[in-house]
Amino acid sequence: MLGTVLYAPGDVRVEQREQPTIAAPTDAIIRLAATCVCGSDLWPYRGIEKINRPQPMGHEYVGYVEEVGDEVRTLRPGQFVVGSFFASDNTCEICRAGYHTHCVNREFATPTGSQAQYARIPLADGTLVATADAPDADLIPSLLAASDVLGTGWFGAVAAQAGPGKTVAVVGDGAVGLLGVLAAKQLGAERIIAMSRHTSRQKLALEYGATDIVTERSDEGVARVKELTGGLGAHSVIEAVGTQESMLQAIRSTRAGGHVGYVGVAHGVQLPGEELFFSGVHLHGGPAPVRHFLPDLIDLIQRREIDPGRVFDLTLPLDRAADAYRAMDERSAIKVLLQP
């Protein structure tokens, strides 16, 4: 099969790789209908996150079940499935509390990589959610978004306690931030402030429900949010980047008693203890328990109540994965869908 491998920073290759097979009786093999490049894939691509050997890439996926292990009970070949980036059993006490990414038996969901034609998914019964029928082709991008960026943006909004009567600010205008805007709108937020400097992303944020755009960053961005909120700050802030600057911008944009939902993969973030102590701000986040939200998100998509697939503004064949990484690295694309 064709599969994408990162050899070194900036060195992405699509090459012939061995097709995955069942390695444990709880595995499933899926044939990818669509996959994509994630913003978090750019950390190793840029050399910020180190790799020690060639690494199969990709953790977002939708596709058709090809084969299941002997202990898989809820799936059968031919079903269309959506999964998350962490495999979970969906039965342990932590999963039942809604935190599947911290499942006591968790493991990486795509050990063979999902930027490929086929993928092996561990703990298939707990990780994969099958749709009732094969979806219409135009819904596949949205279902793909549900496997990570939609669920992550949704968790950011839930962690920030977005809801009716709330003002929500979103730090980050990538796919996760934009879908955080969509989630805040769906959860009933009264006002949504999207922080973005890019015209195309601002447009999509407004279409997803943003009421205000703030182009300033850092302290200037904080001051602008305070200005828009009577000097108090937002009730809820979604941090969707993962840098020191974005985290502090999120915390400082939040009013006392407010909530920050942080879902950007943190790199080099250090929180000033004294400032945090006196801020009166709640922090909650981390790797999103996408599996917890998947049934409801799939239902919203299939009833065409939301259209998260619009974050894919470039579609390329799988063999052009290197171009996909380059487009996202250069910010000429929000998110690139790859067709296996």
Protein backbone atom coordinates (compact mmCIF):
# COMPACT_ATOMS: atom_id res chain seq x y z
CA MET A 1 0.00 0.00 0.00
CA LEU A 2 0.97 3.66 -0.19
CA GLY A 3 1.80 5.25 3.15
CA THR A 4 3.24 8.56 4.32
CA VAL A 5 6.49 8.58 6.31
CA LEU A 6 8.34 11.50 7.90
CA TYR A 7 12.09 10.88 7.69
CA ALA A 8 13.35 14.19 9.05
CA PRO A 9 12.12 17.77 9.41
CA GLY A 10 10.67 18.80 6.07
CA ASP A 11 11.26 15.35 4.56
CA VAL A 12 7.87 13.72 3.91
CA ARG A 13 7.73 10.75 1.55
CA VAL A 14 4.87 8.65 0.25
CA GLU A 15 6.20 5.17 -0.40
CA GLN A 16 5.20 1.57 -0.78
CA ARG A 17 4.77 0.04 2.67
CA GLU A 18 3.60 -3.31 3.95
CA GLN A 19 -0.17 -3.44 4.28
CA PRO A 20 -1.15 -3.83 7.96
CA THR A 21 -2.56 -7.07 9.28
CA ILE A 22 -4.37 -8.12 12.45
CA ALA A 23 -1.79 -8.11 15.28
CA ALA A 24 -4.16 -8.61 18.24
CA PRO A 25 -7.62 -10.17 18.41
CA THR A 26 -9.13 -6.77 19.30
CA ASP A 27 -7.77 -5.10 16.12
CA ALA A 28 -9.57 -4.01 12.97
CA ILE A 29 -8.11 -3.21 9.56
CA ILE A 30 -9.77 -0.36 7.72
CA ARG A 31 -9.52 0.85 4.14
CA LEU A 32 -9.22 4.62 4.31
CA ALA A 33 -11.90 6.64 2.52
CA ALA A 34 -10.20 9.91 3.49
CA THR A 35 -7.39 11.11 5.72
CA CYS A 36 -5.63 14.43 6.30
CA VAL A 37 -2.76 16.39 7.77
CA CYS A 38 -3.18 17.71 11.31
CA GLY A 39 -1.72 20.89 12.72
CA SER A 40 0.03 18.73 15.33
CA ASP A 41 1.81 16.90 12.48
CA LEU A 42 3.62 20.15 11.79
CA TRP A 43 5.51 20.02 15.11
CA PRO A 44 7.79 17.15 13.99
CA TYR A 45 7.69 18.40 10.39
CA ARG A 46 9.20 21.68 11.60
CA GLY A 47 11.71 19.91 13.83
CA ILE A 48 10.19 21.24 17.05
CA GLU A 49 9.15 17.75 18.09
CA LYS A 50 12.03 15.31 17.62
CA ILE A 51 11.80 11.96 15.87
CA ASN A 52 14.48 9.26 16.17
CA ARG A 53 13.60 7.19 13.13
CA PRO A 54 11.32 7.31 10.08
CA GLN A 55 7.79 7.72 11.39
CA PRO A 56 4.52 6.66 9.74
CA MET A 57 2.26 9.70 9.82
CA GLY A 58 -1.41 10.38 10.37
CA HIS A 59 -3.99 9.92 13.14
CA GLU A 60 -7.24 11.19 11.56
CA TYR A 61 -9.23 8.68 9.58
CA VAL A 62 -12.53 7.41 8.27
CA GLY A 63 -13.05 4.34 6.17
CA TYR A 64 -14.48 0.90 5.63
CA VAL A 65 -13.83 -2.12 7.84
CA GLU A 66 -11.88 -4.73 5.88
CA GLU A 67 -11.13 -7.30 8.57
CA VAL A 68 -11.63 -7.73 12.32
CA GLY A 69 -9.87 -9.78 14.98
CA ASP A 70 -11.49 -12.77 16.66
CA GLU A 71 -12.49 -10.79 19.76
CA VAL A 72 -14.15 -7.86 17.94
CA ARG A 73 -17.89 -8.06 18.59
CA THR A 74 -19.52 -4.82 17.43
CA LEU A 75 -18.02 -4.35 13.96
CA ARG A 76 -18.15 -6.26 10.73
CA PRO A 77 -16.45 -5.92 7.33
CA GLY A 78 -18.06 -3.35 5.05
CA GLN A 79 -19.16 -0.92 7.75
CA PHE A 80 -18.14 2.74 7.50
CA VAL A 81 -16.39 3.85 10.67
CA VAL A 82 -15.02 6.96 12.34
CA GLY A 83 -12.40 6.74 15.08
CA SER A 84 -10.24 8.84 17.35
CA PHE A 85 -6.48 9.36 17.64
CA PHE A 86 -6.32 7.35 20.90
CA ALA A 87 -7.57 3.79 21.09
CA SER A 88 -9.71 3.13 24.15
CA ASP A 89 -11.73 0.22 25.49
CA ASN A 90 -14.84 2.39 26.16
CA THR A 91 -15.58 0.28 29.25
CA CYS A 92 -13.11 1.29 31.97
CA GLU A 93 -14.07 3.70 34.75
CA ILE A 94 -12.21 6.58 33.09
CA CYS A 95 -13.93 6.00 29.74
CA ARG A 96 -17.32 5.83 31.44
CA ALA A 97 -16.56 9.24 32.95
CA GLY A 98 -16.02 10.59 29.41
CA TYR A 99 -12.21 10.77 29.31
CA HIS A 100 -11.36 8.14 26.71
CA THR A 101 -7.94 9.65 25.97
CA HIS A 102 -6.98 8.63 29.51
CA CYS A 103 -8.40 5.09 29.23
CA VAL A 104 -6.48 2.68 31.46
CA ASN A 105 -5.78 0.59 28.35
CA ARG A 106 -5.23 3.44 25.92
CA GLU A 107 -2.75 3.28 23.09
CA PHE A 108 -2.09 5.24 19.92
CA ALA A 109 -4.96 4.48 17.56
CA THR A 110 -3.00 4.39 14.31
CA PRO A 111 0.31 2.61 14.96
CA THR A 112 0.72 2.02 11.23
CA GLY A 113 -0.19 5.64 10.37
CA SER A 114 -3.42 6.80 8.76
CA GLN A 115 -2.02 8.93 5.93
CA ALA A 116 -2.15 5.72 3.96
CA GLN A 117 -4.49 3.42 2.08
CA TYR A 118 -5.05 1.05 5.01
CA ALA A 119 -4.64 1.29 8.77
CA ARG A 120 -4.67 -1.04 11.76
CA ILE A 121 -6.85 0.19 14.64
CA PRO A 122 -6.34 -1.38 18.08
CA LEU A 123 -9.19 -1.85 20.59
CA ALA A 124 -11.57 -1.56 17.65
CA ASP A 125 -14.80 -2.16 19.58
CA GLY A 126 -14.10 0.76 21.88
CA THR A 127 -12.39 3.08 19.42
CA LEU A 128 -14.46 2.94 16.23
CA VAL A 129 -18.01 4.19 15.76
CA ALA A 130 -19.91 2.80 12.79
CA THR A 131 -22.42 4.88 10.88
CA ALA A 132 -25.86 3.37 10.25
CA ASP A 133 -25.25 3.29 6.51
CA ALA A 134 -22.49 4.25 4.10
CA PRO A 135 -22.50 8.06 4.14
CA ASP A 136 -23.08 10.29 1.14
CA ALA A 137 -19.75 11.30 -0.40
CA ASP A 138 -20.22 14.95 0.46
CA LEU A 139 -20.41 14.09 4.18
CA ILE A 140 -17.08 12.27 4.29
CA PRO A 141 -14.98 15.43 4.89
CA SER A 142 -17.17 16.38 7.85
CA LEU A 143 -16.99 12.85 9.30
CA LEU A 144 -13.21 13.00 8.88
CA ALA A 145 -13.15 16.29 10.79
CA ALA A 146 -15.05 14.54 13.60
CA SER A 147 -12.16 12.11 14.10
CA ASP A 148 -10.02 14.87 15.61
CA VAL A 149 -10.37 18.58 14.95
CA LEU A 150 -14.14 18.82 15.46
CA GLY A 151 -14.03 16.70 18.61
CA THR A 152 -11.03 18.67 19.85
CA GLY A 153 -12.66 22.03 19.21
CA TRP A 154 -15.82 20.73 20.85
CA PHE A 155 -13.92 19.60 23.94
CA GLY A 156 -12.22 23.00 24.09
CA ALA A 157 -15.63 24.66 24.17
CA VAL A 158 -17.00 22.22 26.76
CA ALA A 159 -13.88 22.57 28.93
CA ALA A 160 -14.27 26.36 28.73
CA GLN A 161 -17.93 25.94 29.76
CA ALA A 162 -19.24 27.75 26.69
CA GLY A 163 -22.99 28.06 26.80
CA PRO A 164 -26.03 30.34 26.83
CA GLY A 165 -25.33 33.87 27.98
CA LYS A 166 -21.56 33.39 27.72
CA THR A 167 -18.97 35.38 25.79
CA VAL A 168 -16.42 33.00 24.30
CA ALA A 169 -13.02 34.00 22.90
CA VAL A 170 -11.05 31.62 20.67
CA VAL A 171 -7.26 31.87 20.51
CA GLY A 172 -6.08 30.21 17.29
CA ASP A 173 -7.61 30.23 13.82
CA GLY A 174 -6.54 26.81 12.59
CA ALA A 175 -9.04 24.01 12.07
CA VAL A 176 -9.40 23.35 15.81
CA GLY A 177 -9.98 27.02 16.63
CA LEU A 178 -12.49 27.43 13.83
CA LEU A 179 -14.38 24.35 14.95
CA GLY A 180 -14.20 25.66 18.50
CA VAL A 181 -16.19 28.62 17.16
CA LEU A 182 -18.70 26.21 15.62
CA ALA A 183 -18.93 24.26 18.88
CA ALA A 184 -19.44 27.40 20.98
CA LYS A 185 -22.26 28.43 18.67
CA GLN A 186 -23.89 25.00 18.91
CA LEU A 187 -23.60 25.11 22.70
CA GLY A 188 -25.53 28.38 22.72
CA ALA A 189 -22.85 31.03 23.36
CA GLU A 190 -24.21 34.54 23.10
CA ARG A 191 -21.05 36.18 21.79
CA ILE A 192 -18.02 34.58 20.12
CA ILE A 193 -14.77 36.46 19.60
CA ALA A 194 -12.46 34.85 17.03
CA MET A 195 -8.83 35.94 17.18
CA SER A 196 -7.46 35.81 13.64
CA ARG A 197 -5.29 37.78 11.22
CA HIS A 198 -6.20 35.82 8.10
CA THR A 199 -9.07 36.97 5.91
CA SER A 200 -10.17 33.52 4.70
CA ARG A 201 -10.17 32.16 8.25
CA GLN A 202 -12.02 35.18 9.55
CA LYS A 203 -14.70 34.61 6.91
CA LEU A 204 -15.19 30.99 7.92
CA ALA A 205 -15.20 31.92 11.62
CA LEU A 206 -18.02 34.40 10.97
CA GLU A 207 -19.95 31.80 9.01
CA TYR A 208 -19.51 29.33 11.88
CA GLY A 209 -20.96 31.83 14.35
CA ALA A 210 -18.30 34.34 15.41
CA THR A 211 -19.74 37.75 16.28
CA ASP A 212 -16.44 39.65 16.57
CA ILE A 213 -12.97 39.40 15.03
CA VAL A 214 -9.85 40.45 16.92
CA THR A 215 -6.70 40.74 14.80
CA GLU A 216 -4.32 41.75 17.59
CA ARG A 217 -2.15 39.23 19.43
CA SER A 218 -0.46 38.93 22.84
CA ASP A 219 -1.07 41.86 25.19
CA GLU A 220 -2.73 43.88 22.43
CA GLY A 221 -5.14 41.01 21.79
CA VAL A 222 -5.89 40.73 25.50
CA ALA A 223 -6.57 44.47 25.68
CA ARG A 224 -8.95 44.25 22.74
CA VAL A 225 -10.91 41.37 24.30
CA LYS A 226 -11.12 43.33 27.56
CA GLU A 227 -12.35 46.35 25.61
CA LEU A 228 -15.08 44.25 24.00
CA THR A 229 -16.19 42.85 27.35
CA GLY A 230 -16.44 45.96 29.49
CA GLY A 231 -12.95 45.48 30.93
CA LEU A 232 -13.77 42.06 32.43
CA GLY A 233 -12.62 39.54 29.85
CA ALA A 234 -14.50 36.62 28.31
CA HIS A 235 -16.39 34.07 30.37
CA SER A 236 -14.89 31.23 28.30
CA VAL A 237 -11.68 31.07 26.28
CA ILE A 238 -10.60 28.24 23.98
CA GLU A 239 -6.82 27.93 23.58
CA ALA A 240 -6.17 26.08 20.31
CA VAL A 241 -2.47 26.65 19.55
CA GLY A 242 -0.20 25.29 22.28
CA THR A 243 2.48 27.96 22.64
CA GLN A 244 3.53 30.08 25.59
CA GLU A 245 2.13 33.18 23.89
CA SER A 246 -1.23 31.61 23.12
CA MET A 247 -1.69 30.14 26.60
CA LEU A 248 -0.93 33.41 28.36
CA GLN A 249 -3.14 35.28 25.89
CA ALA A 250 -5.96 32.86 26.73
CA ILE A 251 -5.54 33.12 30.49
CA ARG A 252 -5.25 36.90 30.44
CA SER A 253 -8.32 37.24 28.20
CA THR A 254 -10.47 35.37 30.73
CA ARG A 255 -12.42 37.15 33.44
CA ALA A 256 -12.08 36.17 37.09
CA GLY A 257 -14.16 33.05 37.65
CA GLY A 258 -14.04 32.24 33.93
CA HIS A 259 -12.78 29.10 32.25
CA VAL A 260 -9.98 28.32 29.78
CA GLY A 261 -10.33 25.16 27.70
CA TYR A 262 -6.85 24.38 26.37
CA VAL A 263 -6.57 21.88 23.56
CA GLY A 264 -3.51 23.08 21.63
CA VAL A 265 -0.70 20.52 22.00
CA ALA A 266 1.60 22.32 24.45
CA HIS A 267 5.20 23.00 23.46
CA GLY A 268 7.37 25.02 25.82
CA VAL A 269 4.46 26.28 27.89
CA GLN A 270 5.34 27.38 31.41
CA LEU A 271 2.65 28.91 33.60
CA PRO A 272 3.62 31.77 35.93
CA GLY A 273 2.36 30.48 39.27
CA GLU A 274 1.79 33.81 41.00
CA GLU A 275 -0.14 35.27 38.05
CA LEU A 276 -2.26 32.14 37.79
CA PHE A 277 -2.90 32.17 41.54
CA PHE A 278 -4.29 35.68 41.48
CA SER A 279 -6.16 35.35 38.16
CA GLY A 280 -9.14 33.42 39.54
CA VAL A 281 -9.27 31.52 36.25
CA HIS A 282 -10.16 27.83 35.84
CA LEU A 283 -7.97 25.73 33.51
CA HIS A 284 -9.10 22.46 31.98
CA GLY A 285 -8.06 20.66 28.82
CA GLY A 286 -5.51 18.34 27.29
CA PRO A 287 -5.92 15.70 24.60
CA ALA A 288 -9.58 15.72 23.67
CA PRO A 289 -11.69 12.66 24.48
CA VAL A 290 -13.02 12.63 20.92
CA ARG A 291 -14.52 9.14 21.29
CA HIS A 292 -16.86 10.48 24.00
CA PHE A 293 -18.34 13.03 21.59
CA LEU A 294 -18.32 10.95 18.39
CA PRO A 295 -21.86 9.49 18.45
CA ASP A 296 -23.47 12.91 18.91
CA LEU A 297 -21.16 14.63 16.42
CA ILE A 298 -21.78 11.96 13.78
CA ASP A 299 -25.52 12.39 14.32
CA LEU A 300 -25.29 16.19 13.89
CA ILE A 301 -23.28 15.73 10.69
CA GLN A 302 -25.58 13.12 9.19
CA ARG A 303 -28.60 15.29 9.94
CA ARG A 304 -26.67 18.08 8.20
CA GLU A 305 -26.98 20.42 11.17
CA ILE A 306 -23.25 21.21 11.10
CA ASP A 307 -20.69 21.25 8.29
CA PRO A 308 -17.23 20.97 9.88
CA GLY A 309 -15.75 19.63 6.65
CA ARG A 310 -15.49 23.19 5.35
CA VAL A 311 -12.19 23.54 7.22
CA PHE A 312 -10.69 21.44 4.41
CA ASP A 313 -9.83 24.11 1.88
CA LEU A 314 -7.45 21.96 -0.18
CA THR A 315 -7.85 18.36 -1.37
CA LEU A 316 -4.94 16.37 -2.79
CA PRO A 317 -4.27 12.75 -3.71
CA LEU A 318 -2.36 10.79 -1.09
CA ASP A 319 0.79 10.68 -3.21
CA ARG A 320 1.04 14.47 -2.85
CA ALA A 321 1.20 14.40 0.95
CA ALA A 322 4.46 16.37 0.88
CA ASP A 323 2.63 19.21 -0.87
CA ALA A 324 -0.09 19.01 1.78
CA TYR A 325 2.43 19.47 4.58
CA ARG A 326 4.05 22.35 2.73
CA ALA A 327 0.71 24.11 2.20
CA MET A 328 -0.19 23.89 5.86
CA ASP A 329 3.27 24.86 7.02
CA GLU A 330 3.14 27.97 4.83
CA ARG A 331 -0.45 28.67 5.98
CA SER A 332 -1.72 28.74 2.41
CA ALA A 333 -4.23 26.08 3.49
CA ILE A 334 -6.19 25.71 6.72
CA LYS A 335 -6.33 21.93 6.49
CA VAL A 336 -5.61 19.50 3.67
CA LEU A 337 -7.70 16.43 2.94
CA LEU A 338 -5.84 13.51 1.35
CA GLN A 339 -7.63 11.06 -0.91
CA PRO A 340 -6.16 7.53 -0.70
